[in-house]
Structures are given as C-alpha cells and as structure tokens.
Amino acid sequence: MVEQPIEVDVQIAGEDLHAGRLWTHSHGQSESATFSYREDYLQRADAYELDPGLSLQAGQHQTALGHALFGAMSDCAPDGWGRRTLNNLGQLLLATDPSAAIDLHQRALDIRSKLNDRHGVARTSGLLATALATVGRIAEAHQLLTDALEIRQELGDRYGEAETNLQEAGIALVASDLDTARTHAERALSIADDLQVSMQAAQALRILAIVEAQSGQTVRSAQFLGRAIEILRGSGLEAEALKVEQERPEPMS
C-alpha cells in the first residue's frame, strides 16, 4: 500500500522551500519509503542533501532494507512531532529563560536516545550544547558536540558534520578560545566548499573573520568577510550578503 505523498520542506537563508516528495509504503509487516527531489530544488546552487542516502540527483531514492524512513526525516513520523516541538520551544526560550531551554532540549535528547534516533540525537545535542554555552557550561557543551560529531561522521552526514563544527567554533568563540574556533571553522569551511553549501561556507568565513579581528589581523578579517559576501551573492543570496556587508569595518581615512 502506498500512502499519499508528503511534501518535504526545508529552510535556506530564511526562505521556506519545497525540496521534494516522500512516499511511504507498507507491505504486510514491512515498511519503506521513497523520496524524489523537486527539479527546481536540485537546480539551486545552495541545495543540500537531506540525508546521506539522498544524493542530489533526479529520480526516486529508496530507503535501505529494514528502514521505514530516511534517518533525517524521522520527524515526519507522528511521534516525531513531540520531539520537534520540544526542540522548537527550547529555541524560543533560549533568549529569555536559558534554564528552561536546557531542560526542554535535554528532554528531547532523552527521547531521541531511547528511540535510537541517531540523526536526532546529533541535532538535539547541538541545540543543547548551544543552550549550555549561554550559561557558561562550556565543558558540557563541548562534550555534547564531540559526541554529535562522532555520530555525524559514522552516519556519513557531511552536512551535519559541517554544522556541528560551526557550533563548536561558535562555542569556542564564547570561551575566547580562538585557536579552537579557527580549527573548527576551517573544517566546516572545507566541507561546505566540497558540498557547495554557500550558507555554511559563509558562516564559517564570518567566524574566521571574527577570530582574525580579535587576533588583531584586521586585513585578513576583511578578506574573509569579502569572500563570504562573494559566495552569498554568487548564490543569489543578496539579503544575506547585505547583512555580512554591514559587518565590514569602515575603511580608515
């Protein structure tokens, strides 16, 4: 039995996009799924793989034997709604009540761990780490991201690996650990360049610009920002490019 297709949406640079369609199948006790990307999504310069098993190619992609869903799409299932809601509430609370945000992300992480949702564990660990860093719990944040990075690498999730490296770099900046921030930003940039994911590349370059500025290297800082702007404009992300443009220091008179 084939269910009605589900529209799968993603957000890139603040824009909601239709990435493709997901079909679920049931054959007696067996369940599987099929996914196909939209052609207009594949044509975008900043399109990215939604899952390690979903290469950016036209045509239908089938789940591996014994898997009902692609790992990154586990939130499409009804029980995923609750886990996603906990994470979303946690993000909303982060600015006003970090302790409550930490509690919600921890609860979401516990649920995902019990369900062996490894993609979800890695993603939620990043959210929890960010919340912990805001209250100075840097060591705990670092350990969560170390574990998340290991999961991303085991799953072959290079997009997620870049994302976790960006989170590590950001938390290192909070702790004024410029060497660690530089190392993780450079790793994220290398992966983003390989995957041609412009937003991640630009984020890594912005972190590198901050590191260089705080190290007194204003020329290199400006060069990194200039490269970020070039990448964003080359991908048609003018609004994001303008935001980075505003971060550039005024030229010396």
C-alpha atoms as a PDB file:
ATOM      1  CA  MET A   1       0.000   0.000   0.000  1.00  0.00           C
ATOM      2  CA  VAL A   2       1.340   3.454  -0.983  1.00  0.00           C
ATOM      3  CA  GLU A   3       0.276   6.448   1.120  1.00  0.00           C
ATOM      4  CA  GLN A   4      -0.421   9.930  -0.255  1.00  0.00           C
ATOM      5  CA  PRO A   5       2.821  11.845  -0.921  1.00  0.00           C
ATOM      6  CA  ILE A   6       4.151  14.175   1.767  1.00  0.00           C
ATOM      7  CA  GLU A   7       5.660  17.495   0.735  1.00  0.00           C
ATOM      8  CA  VAL A   8       9.091  17.869   2.330  1.00  0.00           C
ATOM      9  CA  ASP A   9      10.119  21.465   3.009  1.00  0.00           C
ATOM     10  CA  VAL A  10      13.466  22.932   4.048  1.00  0.00           C
ATOM     11  CA  GLN A  11      14.596  26.408   5.013  1.00  0.00           C
ATOM     12  CA  ILE A  12      17.574  28.045   3.331  1.00  0.00           C
ATOM     13  CA  ALA A  13      18.611  31.574   4.257  1.00  0.00           C
ATOM     14  CA  GLY A  14      15.261  32.116   5.971  1.00  0.00           C
ATOM     15  CA  GLU A  15      13.286  31.024   2.904  1.00  0.00           C
ATOM     16  CA  ASP A  16      10.877  28.068   3.058  1.00  0.00           C
ATOM     17  CA  LEU A  17      11.374  25.816   0.042  1.00  0.00           C
ATOM     18  CA  HIS A  18       9.731  22.675  -1.327  1.00  0.00           C
ATOM     19  CA  ALA A  19      12.614  20.210  -1.565  1.00  0.00           C
ATOM     20  CA  GLY A  20      10.738  17.141  -2.749  1.00  0.00           C
ATOM     21  CA  ARG A  21       8.123  14.495  -2.058  1.00  0.00           C
ATOM     22  CA  LEU A  22       8.124  11.497   0.246  1.00  0.00           C
ATOM     23  CA  TRP A  23       6.013   8.380  -0.254  1.00  0.00           C
ATOM     24  CA  THR A  24       5.623   5.702   2.421  1.00  0.00           C
ATOM     25  CA  HIS A  25       4.875   2.080   1.561  1.00  0.00           C
ATOM     26  CA  SER A  26       3.585  -0.847   3.580  1.00  0.00           C
ATOM     27  CA  HIS A  27       3.839  -4.483   2.523  1.00  0.00           C
ATOM     28  CA  GLY A  28       2.353  -6.616   5.260  1.00  0.00           C
ATOM     29  CA  GLN A  29       4.654  -6.138   8.266  1.00  0.00           C
ATOM     30  CA  SER A  30       7.293  -4.362   6.185  1.00  0.00           C
ATOM     31  CA  GLU A  31       7.510  -0.577   5.740  1.00  0.00           C
ATOM     32  CA  SER A  32       9.686   1.516   3.453  1.00  0.00           C
ATOM     33  CA  ALA A  33       9.769   4.946   1.818  1.00  0.00           C
ATOM     34  CA  THR A  34      10.620   6.616  -1.467  1.00  0.00           C
ATOM     35  CA  PHE A  35      11.753  10.199  -1.970  1.00  0.00           C
ATOM     36  CA  SER A  36      12.334  12.361  -5.030  1.00  0.00           C
ATOM     37  CA  TYR A  37      13.757  15.896  -5.171  1.00  0.00           C
ATOM     38  CA  ARG A  38      11.971  18.689  -6.986  1.00  0.00           C
ATOM     39  CA  GLU A  39      13.774  19.759 -10.121  1.00  0.00           C
ATOM     40  CA  ASP A  40      13.841  23.428  -9.098  1.00  0.00           C
ATOM     41  CA  TYR A  41      15.431  22.476  -5.769  1.00  0.00           C
ATOM     42  CA  LEU A  42      18.164  20.473  -7.493  1.00  0.00           C
ATOM     43  CA  GLN A  43      18.959  23.479  -9.680  1.00  0.00           C
ATOM     44  CA  ARG A  44      19.700  25.728  -6.687  1.00  0.00           C
ATOM     45  CA  ALA A  45      23.364  26.413  -6.005  1.00  0.00           C
ATOM     46  CA  ASP A  46      22.768  26.101  -2.246  1.00  0.00           C
ATOM     47  CA  ALA A  47      20.736  22.864  -2.366  1.00  0.00           C
ATOM     48  CA  TYR A  48      21.998  20.208   0.013  1.00  0.00           C
ATOM     49  CA  GLU A  49      21.410  16.506   0.599  1.00  0.00           C
ATOM     50  CA  LEU A  50      18.602  15.975   3.098  1.00  0.00           C
ATOM     51  CA  ASP A  51      20.097  12.686   4.215  1.00  0.00           C
ATOM     52  CA  PRO A  52      23.302  10.730   3.453  1.00  0.00           C
ATOM     53  CA  GLY A  53      21.105   8.304   1.493  1.00  0.00           C
ATOM     54  CA  LEU A  54      19.597  11.070  -0.638  1.00  0.00           C
ATOM     55  CA  SER A  55      22.235  12.244  -3.094  1.00  0.00           C
ATOM     56  CA  LEU A  56      21.363  15.367  -5.077  1.00  0.00           C
ATOM     57  CA  GLN A  57      20.158  13.502  -8.135  1.00  0.00           C
ATOM     58  CA  ALA A  58      16.871  13.354 -10.023  1.00  0.00           C
ATOM     59  CA  GLY A  59      14.752  10.231  -9.770  1.00  0.00           C
ATOM     60  CA  GLN A  60      13.458   8.141  -6.894  1.00  0.00           C
ATOM     61  CA  HIS A  61      15.515   7.243  -3.828  1.00  0.00           C
ATOM     62  CA  GLN A  62      14.558   4.176  -1.805  1.00  0.00           C
ATOM     63  CA  THR A  63      15.187   3.559   1.899  1.00  0.00           C
ATOM     64  CA  ALA A  64      17.640   0.836   2.827  1.00  0.00           C
ATOM     65  CA  LEU A  65      16.289  -2.612   3.616  1.00  0.00           C
ATOM     66  CA  GLY A  66      14.602  -2.670   7.028  1.00  0.00           C
ATOM     67  CA  HIS A  67      14.228   1.113   7.290  1.00  0.00           C
ATOM     68  CA  ALA A  68      10.763   2.673   7.259  1.00  0.00           C
ATOM     69  CA  LEU A  69      12.075   6.241   6.772  1.00  0.00           C
ATOM     70  CA  PHE A  70      15.221   8.073   5.821  1.00  0.00           C
ATOM     71  CA  GLY A  71      17.065   8.945   9.031  1.00  0.00           C
ATOM     72  CA  ALA A  72      16.907  12.712   8.659  1.00  0.00           C
ATOM     73  CA  MET A  73      13.150  12.537   8.013  1.00  0.00           C
ATOM     74  CA  SER A  74      12.252  10.735  11.214  1.00  0.00           C
ATOM     75  CA  ASP A  75      10.482  13.910  12.353  1.00  0.00           C
ATOM     76  CA  CYS A  76       7.908  13.330   9.585  1.00  0.00           C
ATOM     77  CA  ALA A  77       6.509  10.500  11.680  1.00  0.00           C
ATOM     78  CA  PRO A  78       3.704  11.390  14.134  1.00  0.00           C
ATOM     79  CA  ASP A  79       5.827  10.637  17.209  1.00  0.00           C
ATOM     80  CA  GLY A  80       8.470  12.973  15.817  1.00  0.00           C
ATOM     81  CA  TRP A  81       6.148  15.934  16.268  1.00  0.00           C
ATOM     82  CA  GLY A  82       6.589  15.920  20.026  1.00  0.00           C
ATOM     83  CA  ARG A  83      10.378  15.743  19.802  1.00  0.00           C
ATOM     84  CA  ARG A  84      10.457  18.555  17.255  1.00  0.00           C
ATOM     85  CA  THR A  85       8.103  20.672  19.365  1.00  0.00           C
ATOM     86  CA  LEU A  86      10.356  20.327  22.428  1.00  0.00           C
ATOM     87  CA  ASN A  87      13.332  21.500  20.369  1.00  0.00           C
ATOM     88  CA  ASN A  88      11.408  24.429  18.864  1.00  0.00           C
ATOM     89  CA  LEU A  89      10.159  25.561  22.270  1.00  0.00           C
ATOM     90  CA  GLY A  90      13.676  25.286  23.600  1.00  0.00           C
ATOM     91  CA  GLN A  91      14.963  27.597  20.878  1.00  0.00           C
ATOM     92  CA  LEU A  92      12.226  30.140  21.587  1.00  0.00           C
ATOM     93  CA  LEU A  93      13.040  30.130  25.311  1.00  0.00           C
ATOM     94  CA  LEU A  94      16.802  30.369  24.877  1.00  0.00           C
ATOM     95  CA  ALA A  95      16.949  34.190  24.884  1.00  0.00           C
ATOM     96  CA  THR A  96      14.571  34.665  27.832  1.00  0.00           C
ATOM     97  CA  ASP A  97      14.948  31.574  30.026  1.00  0.00           C
ATOM     98  CA  PRO A  98      18.091  29.529  29.270  1.00  0.00           C
ATOM     99  CA  SER A  99      17.419  27.106  32.129  1.00  0.00           C
ATOM    100  CA  ALA A 100      14.015  26.186  30.710  1.00  0.00           C
ATOM    101  CA  ALA A 101      15.553  25.868  27.246  1.00  0.00           C
ATOM    102  CA  ILE A 102      18.183  23.491  28.596  1.00  0.00           C
ATOM    103  CA  ASP A 103      15.500  21.389  30.279  1.00  0.00           C
ATOM    104  CA  LEU A 104      13.424  21.089  27.086  1.00  0.00           C
ATOM    105  CA  HIS A 105      16.407  20.204  24.896  1.00  0.00           C
ATOM    106  CA  GLN A 106      17.536  17.629  27.464  1.00  0.00           C
ATOM    107  CA  ARG A 107      14.094  16.030  27.460  1.00  0.00           C
ATOM    108  CA  ALA A 108      14.095  15.920  23.649  1.00  0.00           C
ATOM    109  CA  LEU A 109      17.574  14.379  23.694  1.00  0.00           C
ATOM    110  CA  ASP A 110      16.490  11.708  26.183  1.00  0.00           C
ATOM    111  CA  ILE A 111      13.546  10.746  23.964  1.00  0.00           C
ATOM    112  CA  ARG A 112      15.658  10.578  20.825  1.00  0.00           C
ATOM    113  CA  SER A 113      18.279   8.477  22.612  1.00  0.00           C
ATOM    114  CA  LYS A 114      15.659   5.972  23.791  1.00  0.00           C
ATOM    115  CA  LEU A 115      14.330   5.695  20.225  1.00  0.00           C
ATOM    116  CA  ASN A 116      17.870   5.275  18.847  1.00  0.00           C
ATOM    117  CA  ASP A 117      17.251   8.240  16.552  1.00  0.00           C
ATOM    118  CA  ARG A 118      20.921   8.986  15.880  1.00  0.00           C
ATOM    119  CA  HIS A 119      20.312  11.863  13.469  1.00  0.00           C
ATOM    120  CA  GLY A 120      18.002  13.416  16.053  1.00  0.00           C
ATOM    121  CA  VAL A 121      20.494  12.816  18.856  1.00  0.00           C
ATOM    122  CA  ALA A 122      23.231  14.635  16.927  1.00  0.00           C
ATOM    123  CA  ARG A 123      20.995  17.580  16.034  1.00  0.00           C
ATOM    124  CA  THR A 124      19.487  17.944  19.520  1.00  0.00           C
ATOM    125  CA  SER A 125      22.927  17.644  21.115  1.00  0.00           C
ATOM    126  CA  GLY A 126      23.937  20.715  19.126  1.00  0.00           C
ATOM    127  CA  LEU A 127      20.919  22.677  20.336  1.00  0.00           C
ATOM    128  CA  LEU A 128      21.509  21.619  23.935  1.00  0.00           C
ATOM    129  CA  ALA A 129      25.211  22.475  23.679  1.00  0.00           C
ATOM    130  CA  THR A 130      24.387  25.974  22.452  1.00  0.00           C
ATOM    131  CA  ALA A 131      21.971  26.471  25.359  1.00  0.00           C
ATOM    132  CA  LEU A 132      24.544  25.226  27.867  1.00  0.00           C
ATOM    133  CA  ALA A 133      27.183  27.568  26.471  1.00  0.00           C
ATOM    134  CA  THR A 134      24.933  30.582  27.090  1.00  0.00           C
ATOM    135  CA  VAL A 135      25.107  29.876  30.839  1.00  0.00           C
ATOM    136  CA  GLY A 136      28.828  29.179  30.863  1.00  0.00           C
ATOM    137  CA  ARG A 137      28.695  25.375  30.908  1.00  0.00           C
ATOM    138  CA  ILE A 138      31.331  25.165  28.190  1.00  0.00           C
ATOM    139  CA  ALA A 139      32.861  21.797  29.102  1.00  0.00           C
ATOM    140  CA  GLU A 140      29.466  20.063  28.953  1.00  0.00           C
ATOM    141  CA  ALA A 141      28.682  21.786  25.663  1.00  0.00           C
ATOM    142  CA  HIS A 142      31.989  20.672  24.192  1.00  0.00           C
ATOM    143  CA  GLN A 143      31.412  17.040  25.220  1.00  0.00           C
ATOM    144  CA  LEU A 144      27.958  17.004  23.618  1.00  0.00           C
ATOM    145  CA  LEU A 145      29.354  18.361  20.363  1.00  0.00           C
ATOM    146  CA  THR A 146      32.233  15.888  20.412  1.00  0.00           C
ATOM    147  CA  ASP A 147      29.689  13.059  20.684  1.00  0.00           C
ATOM    148  CA  ALA A 148      27.484  14.630  17.995  1.00  0.00           C
ATOM    149  CA  LEU A 149      30.432  14.973  15.623  1.00  0.00           C
ATOM    150  CA  GLU A 150      31.273  11.304  16.079  1.00  0.00           C
ATOM    151  CA  ILE A 151      27.695  10.346  15.184  1.00  0.00           C
ATOM    152  CA  ARG A 152      27.688  12.612  12.115  1.00  0.00           C
ATOM    153  CA  GLN A 153      30.916  11.031  10.877  1.00  0.00           C
ATOM    154  CA  GLU A 154      29.685   7.468  11.487  1.00  0.00           C
ATOM    155  CA  LEU A 155      26.492   8.219   9.545  1.00  0.00           C
ATOM    156  CA  GLY A 156      28.398   9.863   6.700  1.00  0.00           C
ATOM    157  CA  ASP A 157      26.377  13.039   7.262  1.00  0.00           C
ATOM    158  CA  ARG A 158      28.830  15.623   5.923  1.00  0.00           C
ATOM    159  CA  TYR A 159      26.308  18.469   6.001  1.00  0.00           C
ATOM    160  CA  GLY A 160      25.634  17.713   9.660  1.00  0.00           C
ATOM    161  CA  GLU A 161      29.368  17.379  10.298  1.00  0.00           C
ATOM    162  CA  ALA A 162      29.904  20.902   8.977  1.00  0.00           C
ATOM    163  CA  GLU A 163      27.009  22.161  11.111  1.00  0.00           C
ATOM    164  CA  THR A 164      28.462  20.616  14.268  1.00  0.00           C
ATOM    165  CA  ASN A 165      31.879  22.099  13.509  1.00  0.00           C
ATOM    166  CA  LEU A 166      30.233  25.509  13.174  1.00  0.00           C
ATOM    167  CA  GLN A 167      28.586  25.032  16.569  1.00  0.00           C
ATOM    168  CA  GLU A 168      31.946  24.014  18.071  1.00  0.00           C
ATOM    169  CA  ALA A 169      33.542  27.121  16.573  1.00  0.00           C
ATOM    170  CA  GLY A 170      30.810  29.377  17.919  1.00  0.00           C
ATOM    171  CA  ILE A 171      31.079  27.977  21.430  1.00  0.00           C
ATOM    172  CA  ALA A 172      34.859  28.289  21.303  1.00  0.00           C
ATOM    173  CA  LEU A 173      34.393  31.978  20.493  1.00  0.00           C
ATOM    174  CA  VAL A 174      32.178  32.351  23.563  1.00  0.00           C
ATOM    175  CA  ALA A 175      35.000  30.824  25.608  1.00  0.00           C
ATOM    176  CA  SER A 176      37.574  33.117  23.884  1.00  0.00           C
ATOM    177  CA  ASP A 177      39.390  30.017  22.604  1.00  0.00           C
ATOM    178  CA  LEU A 178      40.428  31.445  19.257  1.00  0.00           C
ATOM    179  CA  ASP A 179      42.611  28.528  18.167  1.00  0.00           C
ATOM    180  CA  THR A 180      39.789  26.015  18.634  1.00  0.00           C
ATOM    181  CA  ALA A 181      37.314  28.353  16.929  1.00  0.00           C
ATOM    182  CA  ARG A 182      39.660  28.691  13.949  1.00  0.00           C
ATOM    183  CA  THR A 183      40.225  24.931  13.686  1.00  0.00           C
ATOM    184  CA  HIS A 184      36.521  24.046  13.637  1.00  0.00           C
ATOM    185  CA  ALA A 185      35.592  26.928  11.330  1.00  0.00           C
ATOM    186  CA  GLU A 186      38.250  25.802   8.856  1.00  0.00           C
ATOM    187  CA  ARG A 187      36.909  22.225   8.982  1.00  0.00           C
ATOM    188  CA  ALA A 188      33.374  23.459   8.400  1.00  0.00           C
ATOM    189  CA  LEU A 189      34.535  25.643   5.523  1.00  0.00           C
ATOM    190  CA  SER A 190      36.352  22.738   3.866  1.00  0.00           C
ATOM    191  CA  ILE A 191      33.244  20.535   3.994  1.00  0.00           C
ATOM    192  CA  ALA A 192      30.929  23.345   2.880  1.00  0.00           C
ATOM    193  CA  ASP A 193      33.192  24.071  -0.078  1.00  0.00           C
ATOM    194  CA  ASP A 194      33.166  20.375  -1.055  1.00  0.00           C
ATOM    195  CA  LEU A 195      29.360  20.222  -0.785  1.00  0.00           C
ATOM    196  CA  GLN A 196      28.944  23.688  -2.332  1.00  0.00           C
ATOM    197  CA  VAL A 197      26.694  24.801   0.530  1.00  0.00           C
ATOM    198  CA  SER A 198      27.018  28.561   0.404  1.00  0.00           C
ATOM    199  CA  MET A 199      25.320  29.425   3.719  1.00  0.00           C
ATOM    200  CA  GLN A 200      27.568  27.119   5.739  1.00  0.00           C
ATOM    201  CA  ALA A 201      30.645  28.390   3.912  1.00  0.00           C
ATOM    202  CA  ALA A 202      29.644  31.983   4.635  1.00  0.00           C
ATOM    203  CA  GLN A 203      29.028  31.209   8.325  1.00  0.00           C
ATOM    204  CA  ALA A 204      32.454  29.607   8.613  1.00  0.00           C
ATOM    205  CA  LEU A 205      34.080  32.608   6.937  1.00  0.00           C
ATOM    206  CA  ARG A 206      32.290  35.003   9.293  1.00  0.00           C
ATOM    207  CA  ILE A 207      33.630  33.088  12.291  1.00  0.00           C
ATOM    208  CA  LEU A 208      37.120  33.154  10.812  1.00  0.00           C
ATOM    209  CA  ALA A 209      36.721  36.906  10.307  1.00  0.00           C
ATOM    210  CA  ILE A 210      35.864  37.342  14.000  1.00  0.00           C
ATOM    211  CA  VAL A 211      38.833  35.199  15.034  1.00  0.00           C
ATOM    212  CA  GLU A 212      41.207  37.277  12.917  1.00  0.00           C
ATOM    213  CA  ALA A 213      39.719  40.563  14.139  1.00  0.00           C
ATOM    214  CA  GLN A 214      40.130  39.506  17.758  1.00  0.00           C
ATOM    215  CA  SER A 215      43.712  38.491  16.950  1.00  0.00           C
ATOM    216  CA  GLY A 216      44.413  41.956  15.572  1.00  0.00           C
ATOM    217  CA  GLN A 217      44.543  40.758  11.955  1.00  0.00           C
ATOM    218  CA  THR A 218      42.084  43.282  10.507  1.00  0.00           C
ATOM    219  CA  VAL A 219      43.160  42.821   6.894  1.00  0.00           C
ATOM    220  CA  ARG A 220      42.639  39.052   6.984  1.00  0.00           C
ATOM    221  CA  SER A 221      39.344  39.600   8.778  1.00  0.00           C
ATOM    222  CA  ALA A 222      38.140  41.869   5.974  1.00  0.00           C
ATOM    223  CA  GLN A 223      39.307  39.326   3.391  1.00  0.00           C
ATOM    224  CA  PHE A 224      37.235  36.569   4.998  1.00  0.00           C
ATOM    225  CA  LEU A 225      34.154  38.808   5.080  1.00  0.00           C
ATOM    226  CA  GLY A 226      34.734  39.754   1.460  1.00  0.00           C
ATOM    227  CA  ARG A 227      34.865  36.111   0.456  1.00  0.00           C
ATOM    228  CA  ALA A 228      31.655  35.386   2.402  1.00  0.00           C
ATOM    229  CA  ILE A 229      29.888  38.215   0.565  1.00  0.00           C
ATOM    230  CA  GLU A 230      31.157  36.934  -2.783  1.00  0.00           C
ATOM    231  CA  ILE A 231      29.889  33.405  -2.092  1.00  0.00           C
ATOM    232  CA  LEU A 232      26.467  34.610  -0.971  1.00  0.00           C
ATOM    233  CA  ARG A 233      25.996  36.923  -3.939  1.00  0.00           C
ATOM    234  CA  GLY A 234      27.172  34.189  -6.285  1.00  0.00           C
ATOM    235  CA  SER A 235      24.379  32.008  -4.923  1.00  0.00           C
ATOM    236  CA  GLY A 236      21.754  34.729  -5.303  1.00  0.00           C
ATOM    237  CA  LEU A 237      21.524  35.342  -1.546  1.00  0.00           C
ATOM    238  CA  GLU A 238      21.661  39.128  -1.727  1.00  0.00           C
ATOM    239  CA  ALA A 239      19.857  39.737   1.576  1.00  0.00           C
ATOM    240  CA  GLU A 240      22.381  37.594   3.453  1.00  0.00           C
ATOM    241  CA  ALA A 241      25.244  39.259   1.595  1.00  0.00           C
ATOM    242  CA  LEU A 242      23.999  42.680   2.733  1.00  0.00           C
ATOM    243  CA  LYS A 243      23.971  41.504   6.364  1.00  0.00           C
ATOM    244  CA  VAL A 244      27.615  40.472   6.085  1.00  0.00           C
ATOM    245  CA  GLU A 245      28.413  43.725   4.294  1.00  0.00           C
ATOM    246  CA  GLN A 246      27.251  45.584   7.393  1.00  0.00           C
ATOM    247  CA  GLU A 247      29.789  43.678   9.489  1.00  0.00           C
ATOM    248  CA  ARG A 248      32.721  45.021   7.493  1.00  0.00           C
ATOM    249  CA  PRO A 249      34.673  47.686   9.344  1.00  0.00           C
ATOM    250  CA  GLU A 250      34.672  51.221   7.993  1.00  0.00           C
ATOM    251  CA  PRO A 251      37.794  51.923   5.905  1.00  0.00           C
ATOM    252  CA  MET A 252      40.442  54.016   7.593  1.00  0.00           C
ATOM    253  CA  SER A 253      40.502  57.630   6.373  1.00  0.00           C
END
